[in-house]
Protein backbone atom coordinates (compact mmCIF):
# COMPACT_ATOMS: atom_id res chain seq x y z
CA SER A 1 0.08 0.07 -0.14
CA LEU A 2 2.92 2.53 0.14
CA SER A 3 3.99 1.93 -3.22
CA ALA A 4 0.75 2.26 -3.81
CA ALA A 5 0.48 5.58 -2.25
CA GLN A 6 3.47 6.71 -3.65
CA THR A 7 2.04 5.94 -7.13
CA PHE A 8 -0.99 7.57 -6.25
CA CYS A 9 1.05 11.26 -5.57
CA ASP A 10 3.73 10.77 -8.01
CA GLU A 11 0.41 10.60 -10.72
CA LEU A 12 -1.39 13.67 -9.51
CA ALA A 13 2.20 15.93 -9.14
CA VAL A 14 2.03 15.85 -13.07
CA GLY A 15 -1.21 16.45 -13.43
CA ARG A 16 -2.38 12.79 -14.55
CA VAL A 17 -5.81 10.86 -12.93
CA PRO A 18 -4.50 8.02 -11.01
CA SER A 19 -5.45 4.35 -12.64
CA MET A 20 -8.38 2.45 -10.90
CA ALA A 21 -5.78 0.10 -9.66
CA VAL A 22 -3.85 2.65 -8.30
CA LEU A 23 -7.01 4.23 -6.49
CA ALA A 24 -8.24 0.86 -5.18
CA ILE A 25 -4.36 -0.21 -3.57
CA ALA A 26 -4.25 2.86 -2.00
CA LEU A 27 -7.97 3.20 -0.77
CA LEU A 28 -7.79 -0.61 0.76
CA GLY A 29 -4.65 0.23 2.24
CA GLY A 30 -5.90 3.57 4.08
CA CYS A 31 -9.32 1.25 5.09
CA GLY A 32 -7.08 -1.58 6.31
CA GLY A 33 -5.06 1.13 8.40
CA LEU A 34 -7.94 2.68 9.95
CA ALA A 35 -9.33 -0.45 10.48
CA TYR A 36 -6.58 -1.27 12.78
CA ALA A 37 -6.63 1.82 14.40
CA TRP A 38 -10.37 0.79 15.57
CA PHE A 39 -9.01 -2.55 16.25
CA CYS A 40 -6.13 -1.53 18.28
CA ASN A 41 -8.39 0.71 20.21
CA TRP A 42 -10.91 -1.46 21.27
CA ARG A 43 -8.44 -4.20 22.26
CA LEU A 44 -6.64 -1.67 24.66
CA LYS A 45 -10.18 -0.81 26.11
CA LEU A 46 -10.40 -4.54 26.92
CA LEU A 47 -7.36 -4.43 28.87
CA ARG A 48 -8.11 -1.96 30.58
CA ALA A 49 -11.21 -3.34 31.78
CA ALA A 50 -9.44 -6.59 32.05
CA ILE A 51 -6.88 -4.72 34.55
CA ARG A 52 -9.88 -3.31 36.69
CA GLU A 53 -11.37 -6.83 37.54
CA GLY A 54 -8.19 -8.30 37.67
CA ARG A 55 -8.30 -10.95 35.28
CA PRO A 56 -7.07 -12.59 31.79
CA CYS A 57 -8.38 -11.31 28.41
CA GLY A 58 -9.73 -13.24 26.19
CA PRO A 59 -10.94 -16.94 25.77
CA LEU A 60 -8.23 -19.61 27.15
CA TRP A 61 -8.13 -21.13 23.64
CA LEU A 62 -6.43 -17.58 22.27
CA ARG A 63 -4.19 -17.03 25.22
CA ARG A 64 -2.52 -20.78 24.85
CA LEU A 65 -2.34 -20.05 21.10
CA GLY A 66 -0.48 -17.33 21.89
CA CYS A 67 1.53 -18.83 24.49
CA SER A 68 2.18 -21.51 22.24
CA PHE A 69 3.67 -19.40 19.05
CA MET A 70 5.94 -17.42 21.28
CA SER A 71 7.32 -21.12 22.58
CA THR A 72 7.55 -22.44 19.01
CA CYS A 73 9.54 -19.37 18.20
CA ALA A 74 11.93 -19.72 21.03
CA ARG A 75 12.26 -23.37 20.33
CA LEU A 76 12.83 -22.86 16.49
CA ASN A 77 15.77 -20.69 17.64
CA GLY A 78 17.31 -22.91 20.12
CA VAL A 79 16.10 -21.79 23.29
CA LYS A 80 14.04 -23.85 25.66
CA VAL A 81 14.43 -24.60 29.80
CA ALA A 82 16.43 -27.14 29.95
CA SER A 83 14.93 -27.26 33.94
CA GLU A 84 13.41 -25.85 36.36
CA GLY A 85 13.84 -26.18 40.25
CA GLY A 86 14.25 -24.59 43.37
CA GLU A 87 12.76 -24.49 47.35
CA GLY A 88 9.87 -22.09 46.07
CA LEU A 89 8.35 -24.66 43.39
CA ASN A 90 7.14 -26.41 46.22
CA ALA A 91 5.50 -22.84 48.34
CA PRO A 92 2.07 -22.97 49.00
CA SER A 93 -1.14 -21.85 46.51
CA ARG A 94 -1.63 -18.20 47.61
CA GLN A 95 -0.66 -14.99 46.20
CA TYR A 96 3.12 -13.48 45.56
CA ILE A 97 4.58 -10.94 43.68
CA TYR A 98 7.34 -12.83 41.60
CA VAL A 99 10.37 -11.34 41.23
CA TRP A 100 12.58 -12.43 38.01
CA HIS A 101 16.17 -11.68 37.27
CA PRO A 102 18.20 -10.93 35.49
CA HIS A 103 16.45 -8.25 33.08
CA GLY A 104 18.16 -10.13 30.43
CA PHE A 105 19.12 -7.56 26.99
CA VAL A 106 15.36 -8.05 25.85
CA SER A 107 14.16 -10.18 28.30
CA TYR A 108 13.22 -13.03 26.06
CA VAL A 109 12.55 -15.65 28.81
CA PRO A 110 9.72 -13.83 30.19
CA ALA A 111 7.98 -13.25 26.77
CA HIS A 112 8.57 -16.52 25.37
CA LEU A 113 8.55 -18.99 27.77
CA MET A 114 6.83 -17.82 30.88
CA GLY A 115 3.17 -16.90 29.46
CA ASP A 116 2.23 -20.40 29.05
CA MET A 117 3.55 -20.67 32.81
CA ALA A 118 1.26 -17.49 33.30
CA VAL A 119 -2.10 -18.61 31.72
CA ASN A 120 -1.92 -22.29 33.34
CA GLY A 121 -1.11 -21.13 36.89
CA THR A 122 2.44 -22.78 37.24
CA PRO A 123 3.56 -23.26 39.57
CA HIS A 124 1.35 -22.59 42.26
CA LYS A 125 -1.56 -23.67 40.81
CA LYS A 126 -2.68 -19.63 40.13
CA GLU A 127 -2.91 -17.74 37.28
CA TRP A 128 -0.64 -14.48 37.03
CA PHE A 129 0.62 -11.67 35.22
CA GLY A 130 3.84 -10.72 33.40
CA THR A 131 4.35 -6.95 33.35
CA CYS A 132 6.33 -4.72 31.08
CA ILE A 133 6.97 -1.18 29.23
CA PRO A 134 3.23 0.11 28.35
CA LEU A 135 4.60 1.09 25.02
CA LEU A 136 5.05 -3.05 23.59
CA LEU A 137 1.36 -3.02 24.41
CA LYS A 138 0.36 -0.29 22.15
CA LEU A 139 2.94 -1.85 19.01
CA PRO A 140 1.41 -3.55 16.17
CA PHE A 141 1.45 -7.94 16.38
CA ILE A 142 3.29 -7.61 19.67
CA GLY A 143 0.70 -5.70 21.62
CA GLU A 144 -1.78 -8.70 20.71
CA ILE A 145 -0.02 -11.04 21.89
CA PHE A 146 1.38 -9.83 24.70
CA THR A 147 -2.24 -8.83 26.05
CA VAL A 148 -3.64 -12.43 25.65
CA THR A 149 -0.65 -13.89 27.42
CA ASN A 150 -1.03 -12.06 30.48
CA ALA A 151 1.57 -9.22 30.23
CA ARG A 152 0.59 -5.73 31.77
CA PRO A 153 2.17 -2.24 31.80
CA VAL A 154 4.65 -2.38 34.72
CA ASP A 155 2.95 1.06 36.31
CA ARG A 156 1.56 1.59 39.66
CA LYS A 157 -1.97 1.58 39.09
CA THR A 158 -2.10 -1.40 36.80
CA LEU A 159 0.17 -3.27 39.82
CA GLU A 160 -2.06 -2.15 42.58
CA SER A 161 -5.31 -3.50 40.97
CA ILE A 162 -4.38 -6.55 40.14
CA LEU A 163 -3.00 -7.18 43.37
CA GLY A 164 -5.77 -5.49 45.21
CA LYS A 165 -8.29 -8.09 43.27
CA GLY A 166 -5.85 -10.95 45.05
CA GLY A 167 -4.34 -11.30 41.73
CA THR A 168 -0.49 -12.71 41.50
CA ILE A 169 2.28 -10.51 38.99
CA ALA A 170 5.52 -10.68 37.85
CA ILE A 171 7.63 -7.93 37.53
CA GLN A 172 11.79 -7.04 37.72
CA PRO A 173 12.98 -4.35 39.45
CA GLY A 174 16.24 -3.52 37.73
CA GLY A 175 13.93 -1.92 34.94
CA VAL A 176 15.53 0.02 32.03
CA LYS A 177 18.35 1.11 33.86
CA GLU A 178 19.84 -2.85 34.45
CA GLN A 179 18.67 -3.75 30.85
CA GLU A 180 21.08 -0.77 29.42
CA ALA A 181 23.81 -2.34 31.84
CA SER A 182 23.40 -5.91 30.82
CA ARG A 183 26.20 -7.81 29.91
CA HIS A 184 26.76 -11.88 28.75
CA ASP A 185 29.56 -12.46 30.50
CA GLN A 186 28.68 -10.62 34.16
CA GLU A 187 25.32 -11.69 35.89
CA GLN A 188 23.73 -8.74 37.85
CA ALA A 189 20.77 -7.58 39.87
CA PHE A 190 19.68 -3.78 39.72
CA PHE A 191 16.84 -2.53 42.41
CA PRO A 192 15.75 0.82 42.31
CA ALA A 193 16.72 3.98 44.80
CA LYS A 194 13.19 4.12 46.54
CA LEU A 195 12.93 0.14 46.90
CA GLY A 196 8.94 0.28 45.20
CA PHE A 197 8.55 -3.20 44.90
CA ILE A 198 9.33 -3.81 48.58
CA ARG A 199 6.71 -1.01 49.83
CA LEU A 200 4.06 -2.29 47.90
CA ALA A 201 5.00 -6.33 49.18
CA ILE A 202 4.45 -4.63 52.44
CA LYS A 203 1.36 -2.55 51.63
CA TYR A 204 -0.35 -5.31 50.06
CA GLY A 205 1.10 -7.86 52.93
CA THR A 206 2.25 -10.13 49.57
CA PRO A 207 4.89 -12.67 49.60
CA LEU A 208 8.02 -11.53 47.80
CA LEU A 209 9.30 -14.65 45.25
CA PRO A 210 12.74 -14.38 43.83
CA VAL A 211 12.86 -16.28 40.32
CA TYR A 212 16.03 -16.68 38.63
CA LEU A 213 17.02 -17.28 35.01
CA PHE A 214 19.97 -18.81 34.07
CA GLY A 215 20.93 -18.47 30.42
CA GLU A 216 18.76 -15.03 29.80
CA ASN A 217 21.85 -13.18 29.20
CA GLN A 218 23.51 -15.62 27.56
CA LEU A 219 20.94 -15.53 24.04
CA TYR A 220 23.40 -12.38 22.97
CA LYS A 221 26.14 -11.09 23.42
CA LYS A 222 26.89 -7.39 24.28
CA VAL A 223 29.19 -4.96 21.61
CA SER A 224 30.50 -2.61 24.56
CA GLY A 225 31.05 0.87 23.18
CA PHE A 226 27.72 2.10 22.05
CA GLU A 227 26.22 2.52 25.06
CA TRP A 228 25.24 6.27 23.81
CA LEU A 229 23.49 5.15 20.69
CA THR A 230 21.23 3.29 23.04
CA LYS A 231 20.81 6.11 25.53
CA LEU A 232 20.26 8.26 22.45
CA ILE A 233 17.42 5.94 20.70
CA ARG A 234 15.42 5.73 24.14
CA LYS A 235 15.59 8.95 24.34
CA PHE A 236 13.69 9.34 21.01
CA THR A 237 11.56 5.92 20.97
CA GLY A 238 11.08 5.26 24.43
CA MET A 239 12.68 2.05 24.11
CA THR A 240 16.01 0.77 25.32
CA VAL A 241 17.72 -0.73 22.29
CA PRO A 242 21.26 -2.45 23.73
CA MET A 243 23.38 -3.12 21.06
CA VAL A 244 24.07 -6.72 20.82
CA LEU A 245 24.97 -9.65 18.07
CA ALA A 246 22.77 -12.17 18.15
CA LYS A 247 22.71 -15.79 16.48
CA PHE A 248 24.83 -15.86 13.71
CA ASN A 249 26.48 -12.65 14.78
CA MET A 250 24.09 -10.59 13.61
CA PRO A 251 23.43 -7.37 14.73
CA LEU A 252 20.84 -6.08 17.03
CA ALA A 253 18.13 -9.33 15.76
CA GLY A 254 16.80 -9.05 18.78
CA ILE A 255 14.27 -12.32 17.66
CA PHE A 256 16.93 -14.68 16.47
CA PRO A 257 18.79 -15.25 20.03
CA ARG A 258 21.65 -17.49 20.14
CA ALA A 259 21.06 -20.99 21.14
CA THR A 260 20.99 -21.80 24.84
CA ASP A 261 19.49 -23.64 27.25
CA ILE A 262 17.30 -22.18 30.25
CA HIS A 263 17.47 -23.08 33.86
CA ILE A 264 14.51 -20.97 36.29
CA ARG A 265 15.30 -21.37 40.03
CA TRP A 266 12.25 -20.35 42.12
CA GLY A 267 13.21 -19.09 45.41
CA THR A 268 12.01 -19.80 48.93
CA PRO A 269 9.44 -16.62 49.07
CA VAL A 270 10.22 -13.44 51.81
CA ASP A 271 8.10 -12.95 54.00
CA VAL A 272 7.18 -8.82 54.51
CA GLY A 273 4.68 -8.87 57.28
CA PRO A 274 1.18 -8.17 57.74
CA ARG A 275 -0.20 -5.25 55.35
CA GLU A 276 1.16 -1.69 56.38
CA GLU A 277 0.10 1.26 54.24
CA ASP A 278 3.03 3.60 54.73
CA PRO A 279 5.57 1.20 56.27
CA SER A 280 8.84 2.62 57.91
CA GLU A 281 11.87 2.96 56.28
CA GLU A 282 13.39 0.66 58.28
CA HIS A 283 11.07 -2.27 57.42
CA VAL A 284 11.67 -1.47 54.25
CA GLN A 285 15.18 -1.86 54.54
CA GLU A 286 14.83 -4.83 56.52
CA VAL A 287 12.61 -6.93 53.98
CA PHE A 288 14.87 -5.74 51.48
CA ALA A 289 18.14 -7.23 53.19
CA ARG A 290 16.19 -10.69 53.48
CA TYR A 291 15.20 -10.45 49.74
CA VAL A 292 18.56 -9.80 49.05
CA ALA A 293 20.00 -13.00 50.92
CA GLU A 294 17.25 -15.05 49.09
CA LEU A 295 18.43 -14.30 45.85
CA GLN A 296 22.07 -14.49 46.30
CA ARG A 297 21.73 -17.72 48.23
CA LEU A 298 19.35 -18.85 45.13
CA PHE A 299 22.43 -18.00 42.72
CA ASP A 300 24.94 -19.24 44.17
CA ALA A 301 22.70 -22.76 44.58
CA ASP A 302 22.89 -23.74 41.05
CA ALA A 303 25.22 -20.85 39.15
CA LYS A 304 28.21 -23.52 38.92
CA ASP A 305 25.89 -25.47 37.16
CA CYS A 306 23.62 -23.57 34.87
CA LEU A 307 25.86 -20.79 33.89
CA PRO A 308 29.19 -20.64 32.05
CA PRO A 309 32.34 -21.57 34.14
CA ALA A 310 33.94 -17.91 33.22
CA VAL A 311 30.33 -16.15 33.81
CA ALA A 312 29.50 -18.23 37.53
CA ALA A 313 32.94 -17.60 39.06
CA LYS A 314 32.30 -14.00 38.50
CA GLY A 315 29.78 -14.13 40.73
CA LEU A 316 26.24 -12.11 41.17
CA LYS A 317 26.28 -8.46 40.88
CA VAL A 318 23.98 -6.83 42.88
CA VAL A 319 23.68 -3.03 42.85
CA LYS A 320 20.83 -0.69 43.98
CA LEU A 321 20.74 2.61 42.31
CA SER A 322 21.47 5.76 43.71
CA ASP A 323 19.27 8.31 45.46
CA VAL A 324 20.97 11.20 44.16
CA PRO A 325 18.59 12.57 41.28
CA GLY A 326 20.16 12.62 38.02
CA THR A 327 23.03 9.90 38.47
CA SER A 328 22.98 6.21 37.39
CA GLY A 329 25.59 5.14 39.39
CA ALA A 330 24.92 3.17 42.43
CA GLY A 331 24.60 3.71 45.66
CA ALA A 332 25.75 -0.02 46.98
CA GLN A 333 27.19 -2.79 45.05
CA SER A 334 28.42 -6.09 45.94
CA SER A 335 28.39 -9.59 44.74
CA SER A 336 27.96 -13.30 46.01
CA LYS A 337 31.65 -13.75 46.63
CA GLY A 338 31.30 -10.76 49.25
CA LYS A 339 33.54 -8.67 47.38
CA GLN A 340 33.05 -4.54 47.22
CA SER A 341 32.99 -3.26 43.92
């Protein structure tokens, strides 16, 4: 339809009457665009209603179809869940806040391999909802797939709506800061300065359950020296696009990850105590310390078996972002090997 539109404009420019075929194609293209815009608006209305009610969006067969499509894409690229374990697999069936690490370059595993878990309510027999930046739910095709595979926008209104209805959510606290800093040769866990995910868990009295996705960072290879370009793209588009090499060393080929075995480990739930609307800073920091301790225990228990030896040997780098406005540095850093960095 784009070429037809160009031909249409060219013929008008030279004073010709466009042919009926060109007019028909241009008309169909325009109608198709309007129809999709209407459909997208309708889908987003359905999504907002589902968020308010804390429920899935779409019939079960459609949600499972979306999950099957994503997992098939992963399998065709040689990406599969090779093992799943951890004490958290046997945790009681109840409401949780799953906190997954690492973010990775594109959060490939949550998008492609965990939608099926969310829709089918595994491992705790309760359907749950993953989260992503709101922009992704507005994009063509990706937005439709994410909507039916239980992805929800990671904004406070959405999170509180789902938690308030007793639902389980999955979040990634490091966000774009961790995504920008992701490396294939270093495991990292970033945390925001204000620890909003801890405060949210305390507000609703919901245990935090750490989930580690061994292999997520090895799906792509970081190309150093282009961090400025990643920041420039995010400034103008709102999307974080790390400079990476994918399968066959193709640059920026996010849909073609390297063949990798993924090992998912579910940690022991971290209790946050009774509901508290406005927790003290001391309480927030105490829960955070226990969360980090469990995350590092989870990592140490399986890193040697689930990561390349050189990566496992470096341990898990934990970064708490600085409270200083306008900085992207760290207020505190440590590693699972006990070193300060």
